Every structure is written in C-alpha cells, then in structure tokens.
Amino acid sequence: MKKLNLIALVFLVLVIAACSKERIELKPQLNAYSSPSAYLDTKKQAEQEFIIDGSPGPIVGNQGTTIWGGKNCVRLPNGDTIDYPFTLKLVELYTPADMIYYQMPTVSASRILATDGEIRIRTFKNGTELNLLPGCAGFMVSMPNDAPLPGSRKKFYGFNSGSIVDFTDDLSSLGITSSQSSFWGIDTIGYNSIIERFGWINCAQLAGTISGSTLSFASNVDDLTNVAIFAYLPGTRTVMQAYNQSMGIVPNGSDVKIIAIAVDANGNLFSYFQQLNVNASQTIQVTMLQTTDAQLTALLNSL
C-alpha cells in the first residue's frame, strides 16, 4: 500500500511539473524595442545659432520668435563682463508635434500647463555658456501668436528635476529676484516680455487642479520599457509624457489623445494611438502597430 501511495505521489509531482513547464512555454514573448530617441532627434526642431555683434535690431527665429539683447545683460559664470560678439542659440516649440519630438512636456510640479509655446535661449562666448544678469531690462522676447490672451499667460522657466525638465513661475525658487511682471504682455507679434533667465521659457498658465486621474500603461504583447508614451490635451494644448509607464495628473473631464512611439532593433517604426475622455484613473492596454515615418508625421501634425 505504501509503495502504491509513493508511486501515486511521484506521478502527481511529474504531472504538476509537466503542466508548469507547459504554462511557462506557453507564456507569450513580448515584442522588444529600442529607445526611439534617435528617431525623435531626427524630427525635432534644430537649434538655431545667431551672432550678436552689437548691430541694431532684433534677431528673428525661423518660427517668428523675436529677441532683443546685448552684451550689457550677459555675464561669464564668474561674473565678468564680455565684449562683442557673442553667440545666441534658440530652439522654438510651438506645436504639439514639435514638443513631442523634443520630448518637452508642458507640466509644472505635476500640474498641467495651458501653453502657447516654449522656447530655449542660450548664449555663449568662445564656447563658454553665459548667464543673464539678474534684474537687467535689456533682454526682451516676443513669442508669435495670432490671438494672444491678455493677462493670462505667465513666464514659466525650465529647471532640471532629475532627468527631466520641470517648469516654475516662482523665480525665487531658482534664486532670482525680479521686479518684472510675471505675466506676458501683448504686442504686434504676440506675447512680449523681458526675461529674467536663460534656458527653457514657457508661455503658459496653470490649468486644472492638483486633483485628477492618473493614467498607467500596460501591454500583453509589447515590452513598454523603451516605448515613448505621450498624451496631448487639445483643450489646453498640453503635452504630457509617461515615465515608467505612468502619467498624471490629468484633470477629470479632459479629452486626451494618447500617442506611443517605438523603434525595433531593425529600425522599423511602431506607434499606438487612442482618444479618450478621462474621468477616472485607469490602465490603458497598448498594442504597438508597425507604421511609417510619413504616417506618424501626419498623425502628430493633425493633433
């Protein structure tokens, strides 16, 4: 009897092991991707370069950003003044497509920004990056807009928060004291203001509240580790980006367009697109589909 029980036990263990092995073998292999950053870099707006030599008149970017400035407002890192000429570099992001290509979401401390564009200004002398002299009224910027909203948009300045760029309208948190208005004025170009800091500058206002819903992303067929996932909120012209397959906070009631972008080891392009209205936190199931550069470009340009 004991021998029979032992045989039965061994048989049961073998059956369980076989079933477990079968389940392991049947587990689907997720599609793996490489980082799409190299692809996105080929599509992003180029950094423009201008030589400031003291000549009168502003410089004008490819998309209409207009900048007035001179050597009296820039300093070397040690505080020393400079002579002409010096170099100014400009990046202009005025469309959701360009913000996505640059991976530059418009968020301030987890709150979304209603934005009318973001630019980056940097200045250099002989390869050394320069600082803007605090309180100097000699660097003025106009950001183009056909229908600017008086008294609504503030200057949000970008700063590094870990590996990403966050935005704040609180200059004191960046160690800057300013007597300038924090709001953009209006001129014939669009929005106009004296700036207090070089780097990323956003023409925006806080939208929604600190409460809302979070979006998470998962997939039964794709490994999302290297997939770039964005959300565009047309109502506020806001771009958000997911980090570690999670995104928040989205104001409840928002219409959202989800865009995911990936590239496989052979250089093939993949994407995912979904439109939804957000009223509760949820996990979105993503299935990447092969696409072409032309198709993805048309999708992003249609946002």
C-alpha atoms as a PDB file:
ATOM      1  CA  MET A   1       0.000   0.000   0.000  1.00  0.00           C
ATOM      2  CA  LYS A   2       2.807   2.402   0.951  1.00  0.00           C
ATOM      3  CA  LYS A   3       4.542   1.578  -2.317  1.00  0.00           C
ATOM      4  CA  LEU A   4       1.392   2.392  -4.289  1.00  0.00           C
ATOM      5  CA  ASN A   5       0.991   5.710  -2.445  1.00  0.00           C
ATOM      6  CA  LEU A   6       4.594   6.583  -3.220  1.00  0.00           C
ATOM      7  CA  ILE A   7       4.110   5.800  -6.895  1.00  0.00           C
ATOM      8  CA  ALA A   8       0.951   7.916  -6.963  1.00  0.00           C
ATOM      9  CA  LEU A   9       2.774  10.806  -5.307  1.00  0.00           C
ATOM     10  CA  VAL A  10       5.641  10.659  -7.791  1.00  0.00           C
ATOM     11  CA  PHE A  11       3.157  10.541 -10.670  1.00  0.00           C
ATOM     12  CA  LEU A  12       1.323  13.587  -9.290  1.00  0.00           C
ATOM     13  CA  VAL A  13       4.574  15.558  -8.946  1.00  0.00           C
ATOM     14  CA  LEU A  14       5.536  14.706 -12.530  1.00  0.00           C
ATOM     15  CA  VAL A  15       2.118  15.819 -13.809  1.00  0.00           C
ATOM     16  CA  ILE A  16       2.314  19.108 -11.922  1.00  0.00           C
ATOM     17  CA  ALA A  17       5.849  19.735 -13.205  1.00  0.00           C
ATOM     18  CA  ALA A  18       4.800  18.979 -16.769  1.00  0.00           C
ATOM     19  CA  CYS A  19       1.840  21.355 -16.508  1.00  0.00           C
ATOM     20  CA  SER A  20       4.024  24.083 -15.020  1.00  0.00           C
ATOM     21  CA  LYS A  21       6.564  23.660 -17.801  1.00  0.00           C
ATOM     22  CA  GLU A  22       3.778  23.859 -20.371  1.00  0.00           C
ATOM     23  CA  ARG A  23       2.484  27.076 -18.824  1.00  0.00           C
ATOM     24  CA  ILE A  24       5.977  28.574 -18.920  1.00  0.00           C
ATOM     25  CA  GLU A  25       6.443  27.543 -22.527  1.00  0.00           C
ATOM     26  CA  LEU A  26       3.058  28.995 -23.475  1.00  0.00           C
ATOM     27  CA  LYS A  27       3.827  32.374 -21.892  1.00  0.00           C
ATOM     28  CA  PRO A  28       3.949  34.842 -24.799  1.00  0.00           C
ATOM     29  CA  GLN A  29       7.227  36.526 -25.696  1.00  0.00           C
ATOM     30  CA  LEU A  30       6.757  40.292 -25.561  1.00  0.00           C
ATOM     31  CA  ASN A  31       7.902  42.384 -28.504  1.00  0.00           C
ATOM     32  CA  ALA A  32      11.054  44.279 -27.536  1.00  0.00           C
ATOM     33  CA  TYR A  33      12.015  47.759 -28.739  1.00  0.00           C
ATOM     34  CA  SER A  34      14.968  50.100 -28.718  1.00  0.00           C
ATOM     35  CA  SER A  35      14.753  53.671 -27.481  1.00  0.00           C
ATOM     36  CA  PRO A  36      13.047  55.920 -30.066  1.00  0.00           C
ATOM     37  CA  SER A  37      15.151  58.926 -29.001  1.00  0.00           C
ATOM     38  CA  ALA A  38      17.431  58.721 -32.035  1.00  0.00           C
ATOM     39  CA  TYR A  39      14.394  58.748 -34.342  1.00  0.00           C
ATOM     40  CA  LEU A  40      12.768  61.632 -32.442  1.00  0.00           C
ATOM     41  CA  ASP A  41      16.027  63.584 -32.637  1.00  0.00           C
ATOM     42  CA  THR A  42      15.905  63.411 -36.435  1.00  0.00           C
ATOM     43  CA  LYS A  43      12.481  65.070 -36.353  1.00  0.00           C
ATOM     44  CA  LYS A  44      12.939  67.721 -33.686  1.00  0.00           C
ATOM     45  CA  GLN A  45      13.420  71.404 -34.302  1.00  0.00           C
ATOM     46  CA  ALA A  46      17.051  72.313 -34.887  1.00  0.00           C
ATOM     47  CA  GLU A  47      18.786  74.714 -32.535  1.00  0.00           C
ATOM     48  CA  GLN A  48      19.350  77.951 -34.441  1.00  0.00           C
ATOM     49  CA  GLU A  49      22.513  79.987 -33.972  1.00  0.00           C
ATOM     50  CA  PHE A  50      22.909  83.759 -34.206  1.00  0.00           C
ATOM     51  CA  ILE A  51      25.902  86.065 -33.797  1.00  0.00           C
ATOM     52  CA  ILE A  52      25.193  89.118 -31.631  1.00  0.00           C
ATOM     53  CA  ASP A  53      27.654  91.809 -32.697  1.00  0.00           C
ATOM     54  CA  GLY A  54      26.053  94.977 -31.337  1.00  0.00           C
ATOM     55  CA  SER A  55      24.182  95.822 -34.522  1.00  0.00           C
ATOM     56  CA  PRO A  56      20.744  97.424 -34.027  1.00  0.00           C
ATOM     57  CA  GLY A  57      17.585  95.420 -34.474  1.00  0.00           C
ATOM     58  CA  PRO A  58      16.364  92.082 -33.129  1.00  0.00           C
ATOM     59  CA  ILE A  59      17.115  88.573 -34.212  1.00  0.00           C
ATOM     60  CA  VAL A  60      14.159  86.567 -35.546  1.00  0.00           C
ATOM     61  CA  GLY A  61      13.821  82.788 -35.319  1.00  0.00           C
ATOM     62  CA  ASN A  62      12.504  80.518 -38.049  1.00  0.00           C
ATOM     63  CA  GLN A  63       9.056  80.459 -36.448  1.00  0.00           C
ATOM     64  CA  GLY A  64       8.877  84.147 -35.570  1.00  0.00           C
ATOM     65  CA  THR A  65      10.383  84.361 -32.081  1.00  0.00           C
ATOM     66  CA  THR A  66      11.905  87.842 -31.828  1.00  0.00           C
ATOM     67  CA  ILE A  67      14.721  88.652 -29.398  1.00  0.00           C
ATOM     68  CA  TRP A  68      16.384  91.930 -28.456  1.00  0.00           C
ATOM     69  CA  GLY A  69      19.522  91.774 -26.318  1.00  0.00           C
ATOM     70  CA  GLY A  70      23.054  92.986 -25.845  1.00  0.00           C
ATOM     71  CA  LYS A  71      26.301  92.303 -24.011  1.00  0.00           C
ATOM     72  CA  ASN A  72      25.375  94.515 -21.075  1.00  0.00           C
ATOM     73  CA  CYS A  73      22.953  91.830 -19.843  1.00  0.00           C
ATOM     74  CA  VAL A  74      25.160  88.746 -20.111  1.00  0.00           C
ATOM     75  CA  ARG A  75      27.984  87.604 -17.853  1.00  0.00           C
ATOM     76  CA  LEU A  76      30.564  84.855 -17.719  1.00  0.00           C
ATOM     77  CA  PRO A  77      29.993  82.230 -14.987  1.00  0.00           C
ATOM     78  CA  ASN A  78      32.457  84.095 -12.725  1.00  0.00           C
ATOM     79  CA  GLY A  79      30.510  87.342 -13.177  1.00  0.00           C
ATOM     80  CA  ASP A  80      32.891  89.024 -15.628  1.00  0.00           C
ATOM     81  CA  THR A  81      31.559  91.127 -18.491  1.00  0.00           C
ATOM     82  CA  ILE A  82      32.201  90.274 -22.143  1.00  0.00           C
ATOM     83  CA  ASP A  83      32.831  92.094 -25.414  1.00  0.00           C
ATOM     84  CA  TYR A  84      31.049  91.612 -28.724  1.00  0.00           C
ATOM     85  CA  PRO A  85      30.495  89.348 -30.498  1.00  0.00           C
ATOM     86  CA  PHE A  86      28.767  86.540 -28.634  1.00  0.00           C
ATOM     87  CA  THR A  87      26.538  83.677 -29.786  1.00  0.00           C
ATOM     88  CA  LEU A  88      22.837  83.157 -29.074  1.00  0.00           C
ATOM     89  CA  LYS A  89      21.215  79.754 -29.660  1.00  0.00           C
ATOM     90  CA  LEU A  90      17.443  79.333 -29.976  1.00  0.00           C
ATOM     91  CA  VAL A  91      15.006  76.404 -30.019  1.00  0.00           C
ATOM     92  CA  GLU A  92      11.335  77.090 -30.877  1.00  0.00           C
ATOM     93  CA  LEU A  93       8.499  74.686 -29.999  1.00  0.00           C
ATOM     94  CA  TYR A  94       5.052  75.970 -30.916  1.00  0.00           C
ATOM     95  CA  THR A  95       3.162  72.824 -31.944  1.00  0.00           C
ATOM     96  CA  PRO A  96       2.341  69.620 -30.041  1.00  0.00           C
ATOM     97  CA  ALA A  97       4.272  67.660 -32.658  1.00  0.00           C
ATOM     98  CA  ASP A  98       7.434  69.674 -32.006  1.00  0.00           C
ATOM     99  CA  MET A  99       7.032  69.319 -28.232  1.00  0.00           C
ATOM    100  CA  ILE A 100       6.671  65.546 -28.621  1.00  0.00           C
ATOM    101  CA  TYR A 101       9.679  65.263 -30.935  1.00  0.00           C
ATOM    102  CA  TYR A 102      11.746  67.226 -28.409  1.00  0.00           C
ATOM    103  CA  GLN A 103      10.237  65.224 -25.510  1.00  0.00           C
ATOM    104  CA  MET A 104       9.436  68.509 -23.752  1.00  0.00           C
ATOM    105  CA  PRO A 105       6.120  68.118 -21.883  1.00  0.00           C
ATOM    106  CA  THR A 106       4.360  71.218 -20.547  1.00  0.00           C
ATOM    107  CA  VAL A 107       3.902  70.399 -16.872  1.00  0.00           C
ATOM    108  CA  SER A 108       4.669  72.319 -13.681  1.00  0.00           C
ATOM    109  CA  ALA A 109       5.083  70.293 -10.474  1.00  0.00           C
ATOM    110  CA  SER A 110       2.701  67.598 -11.794  1.00  0.00           C
ATOM    111  CA  ARG A 111       0.100  70.202 -12.821  1.00  0.00           C
ATOM    112  CA  ILE A 112      -0.585  70.646 -16.500  1.00  0.00           C
ATOM    113  CA  LEU A 113       0.153  73.912 -18.271  1.00  0.00           C
ATOM    114  CA  ALA A 114      -2.084  75.501 -20.868  1.00  0.00           C
ATOM    115  CA  THR A 115       0.665  76.612 -23.214  1.00  0.00           C
ATOM    116  CA  ASP A 116       1.124  78.872 -26.219  1.00  0.00           C
ATOM    117  CA  GLY A 117       4.663  77.712 -26.856  1.00  0.00           C
ATOM    118  CA  GLU A 118       8.034  77.053 -25.293  1.00  0.00           C
ATOM    119  CA  ILE A 119      11.464  78.225 -26.372  1.00  0.00           C
ATOM    120  CA  ARG A 120      15.037  77.736 -25.210  1.00  0.00           C
ATOM    121  CA  ILE A 121      17.573  80.567 -25.263  1.00  0.00           C
ATOM    122  CA  ARG A 122      21.258  80.005 -24.537  1.00  0.00           C
ATOM    123  CA  THR A 123      24.198  82.393 -25.011  1.00  0.00           C
ATOM    124  CA  PHE A 124      27.914  81.638 -25.390  1.00  0.00           C
ATOM    125  CA  LYS A 125      31.250  83.412 -25.575  1.00  0.00           C
ATOM    126  CA  ASN A 126      34.084  81.376 -27.098  1.00  0.00           C
ATOM    127  CA  GLY A 127      32.221  78.172 -26.189  1.00  0.00           C
ATOM    128  CA  THR A 128      31.543  79.174 -22.566  1.00  0.00           C
ATOM    129  CA  GLU A 129      27.852  79.381 -21.660  1.00  0.00           C
ATOM    130  CA  LEU A 130      26.798  82.771 -20.303  1.00  0.00           C
ATOM    131  CA  ASN A 131      24.332  83.810 -17.618  1.00  0.00           C
ATOM    132  CA  LEU A 132      21.682  86.506 -17.779  1.00  0.00           C
ATOM    133  CA  LEU A 133      22.384  89.361 -15.377  1.00  0.00           C
ATOM    134  CA  PRO A 134      19.577  89.365 -12.763  1.00  0.00           C
ATOM    135  CA  GLY A 135      17.381  92.465 -12.950  1.00  0.00           C
ATOM    136  CA  CYS A 136      18.731  93.525 -16.339  1.00  0.00           C
ATOM    137  CA  ALA A 137      15.992  95.002 -18.501  1.00  0.00           C
ATOM    138  CA  GLY A 138      17.893  94.593 -21.725  1.00  0.00           C
ATOM    139  CA  PHE A 139      16.779  91.148 -22.892  1.00  0.00           C
ATOM    140  CA  MET A 140      13.281  91.153 -24.378  1.00  0.00           C
ATOM    141  CA  VAL A 141      11.442  88.343 -26.146  1.00  0.00           C
ATOM    142  CA  SER A 142       8.302  88.247 -28.282  1.00  0.00           C
ATOM    143  CA  MET A 143       6.651  84.887 -28.953  1.00  0.00           C
ATOM    144  CA  PRO A 144       4.382  84.831 -32.023  1.00  0.00           C
ATOM    145  CA  ASN A 145       0.642  84.298 -31.576  1.00  0.00           C
ATOM    146  CA  ASP A 146      -2.266  85.362 -33.788  1.00  0.00           C
ATOM    147  CA  ALA A 147      -4.738  85.563 -30.884  1.00  0.00           C
ATOM    148  CA  PRO A 148      -2.879  86.244 -27.612  1.00  0.00           C
ATOM    149  CA  LEU A 149      -4.842  86.277 -24.365  1.00  0.00           C
ATOM    150  CA  PRO A 150      -4.131  89.477 -22.389  1.00  0.00           C
ATOM    151  CA  GLY A 151      -3.266  88.999 -18.729  1.00  0.00           C
ATOM    152  CA  SER A 152      -3.492  85.210 -18.816  1.00  0.00           C
ATOM    153  CA  ARG A 153      -0.083  83.767 -19.689  1.00  0.00           C
ATOM    154  CA  LYS A 154       2.836  83.806 -17.270  1.00  0.00           C
ATOM    155  CA  LYS A 155       6.536  83.179 -17.748  1.00  0.00           C
ATOM    156  CA  PHE A 156       7.408  79.644 -16.634  1.00  0.00           C
ATOM    157  CA  TYR A 157      11.101  78.819 -16.513  1.00  0.00           C
ATOM    158  CA  GLY A 158      12.516  75.348 -17.005  1.00  0.00           C
ATOM    159  CA  PHE A 159      14.798  73.676 -14.485  1.00  0.00           C
ATOM    160  CA  ASN A 160      16.245  70.193 -14.194  1.00  0.00           C
ATOM    161  CA  SER A 161      14.287  67.847 -11.946  1.00  0.00           C
ATOM    162  CA  GLY A 162      16.202  64.610 -12.044  1.00  0.00           C
ATOM    163  CA  SER A 163      16.466  63.568 -15.680  1.00  0.00           C
ATOM    164  CA  ILE A 164      13.532  65.716 -16.877  1.00  0.00           C
ATOM    165  CA  VAL A 165      12.790  69.430 -17.240  1.00  0.00           C
ATOM    166  CA  ASP A 166      10.096  70.857 -14.975  1.00  0.00           C
ATOM    167  CA  PHE A 167       8.670  74.403 -15.113  1.00  0.00           C
ATOM    168  CA  THR A 168       8.030  77.017 -12.439  1.00  0.00           C
ATOM    169  CA  ASP A 169       6.771  80.608 -12.368  1.00  0.00           C
ATOM    170  CA  ASP A 170       8.390  81.154  -8.966  1.00  0.00           C
ATOM    171  CA  LEU A 171      11.722  82.802  -9.725  1.00  0.00           C
ATOM    172  CA  SER A 172      12.663  82.895  -6.047  1.00  0.00           C
ATOM    173  CA  SER A 173      12.800  79.088  -6.083  1.00  0.00           C
ATOM    174  CA  LEU A 174      15.539  79.467  -8.720  1.00  0.00           C
ATOM    175  CA  GLY A 175      17.440  82.008  -6.652  1.00  0.00           C
ATOM    176  CA  ILE A 176      16.361  85.010  -8.752  1.00  0.00           C
ATOM    177  CA  THR A 177      14.875  88.278  -7.500  1.00  0.00           C
ATOM    178  CA  SER A 178      12.999  90.254 -10.142  1.00  0.00           C
ATOM    179  CA  SER A 179      10.913  93.412 -10.267  1.00  0.00           C
ATOM    180  CA  GLN A 180       9.477  92.483 -13.659  1.00  0.00           C
ATOM    181  CA  SER A 181       5.869  91.372 -14.125  1.00  0.00           C
ATOM    182  CA  SER A 182       5.477  87.613 -14.158  1.00  0.00           C
ATOM    183  CA  PHE A 183       2.892  87.933 -16.951  1.00  0.00           C
ATOM    184  CA  TRP A 184       3.487  88.206 -20.669  1.00  0.00           C
ATOM    185  CA  GLY A 185       2.386  91.452 -22.268  1.00  0.00           C
ATOM    186  CA  ILE A 186       0.903  91.802 -25.738  1.00  0.00           C
ATOM    187  CA  ASP A 187       2.488  93.361 -28.811  1.00  0.00           C
ATOM    188  CA  THR A 188       2.056  93.191 -32.590  1.00  0.00           C
ATOM    189  CA  ILE A 189       3.916  89.860 -32.709  1.00  0.00           C
ATOM    190  CA  GLY A 190       2.025  88.092 -29.939  1.00  0.00           C
ATOM    191  CA  TYR A 191       3.328  87.784 -26.377  1.00  0.00           C
ATOM    192  CA  ASN A 192       6.096  90.090 -25.213  1.00  0.00           C
ATOM    193  CA  SER A 193       8.196  90.297 -22.035  1.00  0.00           C
ATOM    194  CA  ILE A 194      11.585  90.978 -20.522  1.00  0.00           C
ATOM    195  CA  ILE A 195      13.084  87.640 -19.463  1.00  0.00           C
ATOM    196  CA  GLU A 196      14.988  87.015 -16.231  1.00  0.00           C
ATOM    197  CA  ARG A 197      16.704  83.713 -17.004  1.00  0.00           C
ATOM    198  CA  PHE A 198      18.160  81.848 -19.969  1.00  0.00           C
ATOM    199  CA  GLY A 199      17.143  78.263 -20.730  1.00  0.00           C
ATOM    200  CA  TRP A 200      13.638  76.939 -21.334  1.00  0.00           C
ATOM    201  CA  ILE A 201      10.876  79.555 -21.209  1.00  0.00           C
ATOM    202  CA  ASN A 202       7.194  78.632 -21.425  1.00  0.00           C
ATOM    203  CA  CYS A 203       4.326  80.990 -22.258  1.00  0.00           C
ATOM    204  CA  ALA A 204       1.627  79.332 -20.182  1.00  0.00           C
ATOM    205  CA  GLN A 205      -0.774  79.238 -17.267  1.00  0.00           C
ATOM    206  CA  LEU A 206      -1.642  76.542 -14.750  1.00  0.00           C
ATOM    207  CA  ALA A 207      -4.655  74.512 -15.830  1.00  0.00           C
ATOM    208  CA  GLY A 208      -6.904  72.241 -13.800  1.00  0.00           C
ATOM    209  CA  THR A 209      -6.245  71.468 -10.145  1.00  0.00           C
ATOM    210  CA  ILE A 210      -3.876  69.288  -8.160  1.00  0.00           C
ATOM    211  CA  SER A 211      -6.508  66.535  -8.183  1.00  0.00           C
ATOM    212  CA  GLY A 212      -7.448  64.352 -11.109  1.00  0.00           C
ATOM    213  CA  SER A 213      -6.718  60.949 -12.568  1.00  0.00           C
ATOM    214  CA  THR A 214      -3.563  59.048 -13.343  1.00  0.00           C
ATOM    215  CA  LEU A 215      -3.002  57.010 -16.482  1.00  0.00           C
ATOM    216  CA  SER A 216      -0.937  53.829 -16.463  1.00  0.00           C
ATOM    217  CA  PHE A 217       0.104  51.779 -19.466  1.00  0.00           C
ATOM    218  CA  ALA A 218       0.488  48.020 -19.886  1.00  0.00           C
ATOM    219  CA  SER A 219       0.586  45.501 -22.712  1.00  0.00           C
ATOM    220  CA  ASN A 220       0.142  41.768 -23.198  1.00  0.00           C
ATOM    221  CA  VAL A 221       2.189  41.783 -26.397  1.00  0.00           C
ATOM    222  CA  ASP A 222       4.737  44.613 -26.109  1.00  0.00           C
ATOM    223  CA  ASP A 223       7.525  45.392 -23.668  1.00  0.00           C
ATOM    224  CA  LEU A 224       6.889  49.087 -22.987  1.00  0.00           C
ATOM    225  CA  THR A 225      10.242  49.760 -21.303  1.00  0.00           C
ATOM    226  CA  ASN A 226      11.640  51.654 -24.311  1.00  0.00           C
ATOM    227  CA  VAL A 227       8.342  52.935 -25.685  1.00  0.00           C
ATOM    228  CA  ALA A 228       7.874  56.727 -25.554  1.00  0.00           C
ATOM    229  CA  ILE A 229       4.295  57.474 -24.494  1.00  0.00           C
ATOM    230  CA  PHE A 230       2.712  60.926 -24.683  1.00  0.00           C
ATOM    231  CA  ALA A 231      -0.691  62.476 -24.079  1.00  0.00           C
ATOM    232  CA  TYR A 232      -1.979  65.579 -25.816  1.00  0.00           C
ATOM    233  CA  LEU A 233      -4.855  67.565 -24.279  1.00  0.00           C
ATOM    234  CA  PRO A 234      -6.325  69.716 -27.083  1.00  0.00           C
ATOM    235  CA  GLY A 235      -8.396  71.817 -24.672  1.00  0.00           C
ATOM    236  CA  THR A 236      -5.275  73.297 -23.092  1.00  0.00           C
ATOM    237  CA  ARG A 237      -2.684  72.461 -25.780  1.00  0.00           C
ATOM    238  CA  THR A 238      -0.852  70.463 -23.129  1.00  0.00           C
ATOM    239  CA  VAL A 239       1.734  67.742 -23.819  1.00  0.00           C
ATOM    240  CA  MET A 240       2.364  65.138 -21.117  1.00  0.00           C
ATOM    241  CA  GLN A 241       4.836  62.256 -21.113  1.00  0.00           C
ATOM    242  CA  ALA A 242       4.736  58.935 -19.280  1.00  0.00           C
ATOM    243  CA  TYR A 243       7.649  57.874 -17.100  1.00  0.00           C
ATOM    244  CA  ASN A 244       7.889  54.233 -16.001  1.00  0.00           C
ATOM    245  CA  GLN A 245       4.602  53.596 -17.839  1.00  0.00           C
ATOM    246  CA  SER A 246       2.691  56.080 -15.685  1.00  0.00           C
ATOM    247  CA  MET A 247       1.326  59.559 -16.258  1.00  0.00           C
ATOM    248  CA  GLY A 248      -0.525  62.011 -14.056  1.00  0.00           C
ATOM    249  CA  ILE A 249      -2.285  64.112 -13.049  1.00  0.00           C
ATOM    250  CA  VAL A 250      -4.887  64.506 -15.817  1.00  0.00           C
ATOM    251  CA  PRO A 251      -7.847  66.750 -14.866  1.00  0.00           C
ATOM    252  CA  ASN A 252     -11.087  64.793 -14.878  1.00  0.00           C
ATOM    253  CA  GLY A 253     -13.249  65.535 -17.894  1.00  0.00           C
ATOM    254  CA  SER A 254     -10.258  66.074 -20.179  1.00  0.00           C
ATOM    255  CA  ASP A 255     -10.282  64.830 -23.746  1.00  0.00           C
ATOM    256  CA  VAL A 256      -6.926  63.142 -24.285  1.00  0.00           C
ATOM    257  CA  LYS A 257      -5.059  61.780 -27.277  1.00  0.00           C
ATOM    258  CA  ILE A 258      -2.559  59.030 -26.411  1.00  0.00           C
ATOM    259  CA  ILE A 259       0.434  58.555 -28.712  1.00  0.00           C
ATOM    260  CA  ALA A 260       3.095  55.867 -28.222  1.00  0.00           C
ATOM    261  CA  ILE A 261       6.231  55.623 -30.369  1.00  0.00           C
ATOM    262  CA  ALA A 262       8.805  52.835 -30.612  1.00  0.00           C
ATOM    263  CA  VAL A 263      11.561  51.523 -32.876  1.00  0.00           C
ATOM    264  CA  ASP A 264      12.607  47.882 -33.107  1.00  0.00           C
ATOM    265  CA  ALA A 265      16.134  46.507 -33.464  1.00  0.00           C
ATOM    266  CA  ASN A 266      15.842  46.622 -37.269  1.00  0.00           C
ATOM    267  CA  GLY A 267      14.891  50.305 -37.292  1.00  0.00           C
ATOM    268  CA  ASN A 268      11.207  49.678 -38.036  1.00  0.00           C
ATOM    269  CA  LEU A 269       8.839  52.309 -36.620  1.00  0.00           C
ATOM    270  CA  PHE A 270       5.839  51.406 -34.446  1.00  0.00           C
ATOM    271  CA  SER A 271       3.059  53.505 -32.941  1.00  0.00           C
ATOM    272  CA  TYR A 272      -0.155  53.404 -30.939  1.00  0.00           C
ATOM    273  CA  PHE A 273      -2.942  55.993 -30.898  1.00  0.00           C
ATOM    274  CA  GLN A 274      -6.109  56.288 -28.837  1.00  0.00           C
ATOM    275  CA  GLN A 275      -8.559  59.064 -27.971  1.00  0.00           C
ATOM    276  CA  LEU A 276     -10.460  59.009 -24.693  1.00  0.00           C
ATOM    277  CA  ASN A 277     -12.189  61.178 -22.111  1.00  0.00           C
ATOM    278  CA  VAL A 278     -10.581  60.834 -18.681  1.00  0.00           C
ATOM    279  CA  ASN A 279     -12.869  60.670 -15.647  1.00  0.00           C
ATOM    280  CA  ALA A 280     -11.087  58.086 -13.506  1.00  0.00           C
ATOM    281  CA  SER A 281      -7.646  56.601 -13.036  1.00  0.00           C
ATOM    282  CA  GLN A 282      -7.127  53.678 -15.382  1.00  0.00           C
ATOM    283  CA  THR A 283      -4.643  51.352 -17.036  1.00  0.00           C
ATOM    284  CA  ILE A 284      -4.567  51.557 -20.819  1.00  0.00           C
ATOM    285  CA  GLN A 285      -3.719  48.409 -22.740  1.00  0.00           C
ATOM    286  CA  VAL A 286      -1.269  49.256 -25.526  1.00  0.00           C
ATOM    287  CA  THR A 287      -0.689  47.302 -28.725  1.00  0.00           C
ATOM    288  CA  MET A 288       2.033  48.718 -30.950  1.00  0.00           C
ATOM    289  CA  LEU A 289       1.500  48.540 -34.706  1.00  0.00           C
ATOM    290  CA  GLN A 290       4.102  48.999 -37.412  1.00  0.00           C
ATOM    291  CA  THR A 291       3.866  52.346 -39.155  1.00  0.00           C
ATOM    292  CA  THR A 292       5.885  54.636 -41.418  1.00  0.00           C
ATOM    293  CA  ASP A 293       7.547  57.968 -40.847  1.00  0.00           C
ATOM    294  CA  ALA A 294       5.046  59.620 -43.193  1.00  0.00           C
ATOM    295  CA  GLN A 295       2.067  58.131 -41.346  1.00  0.00           C
ATOM    296  CA  LEU A 296       3.377  59.069 -37.899  1.00  0.00           C
ATOM    297  CA  THR A 297       4.303  62.564 -39.065  1.00  0.00           C
ATOM    298  CA  ALA A 298       0.789  63.077 -40.442  1.00  0.00           C
ATOM    299  CA  LEU A 299      -0.723  61.850 -37.146  1.00  0.00           C
ATOM    300  CA  LEU A 300       1.378  64.206 -35.000  1.00  0.00           C
ATOM    301  CA  ASN A 301       0.769  67.150 -37.333  1.00  0.00           C
ATOM    302  CA  SER A 302      -3.001  66.536 -37.064  1.00  0.00           C
ATOM    303  CA  LEU A 303      -3.065  66.826 -33.273  1.00  0.00           C
END
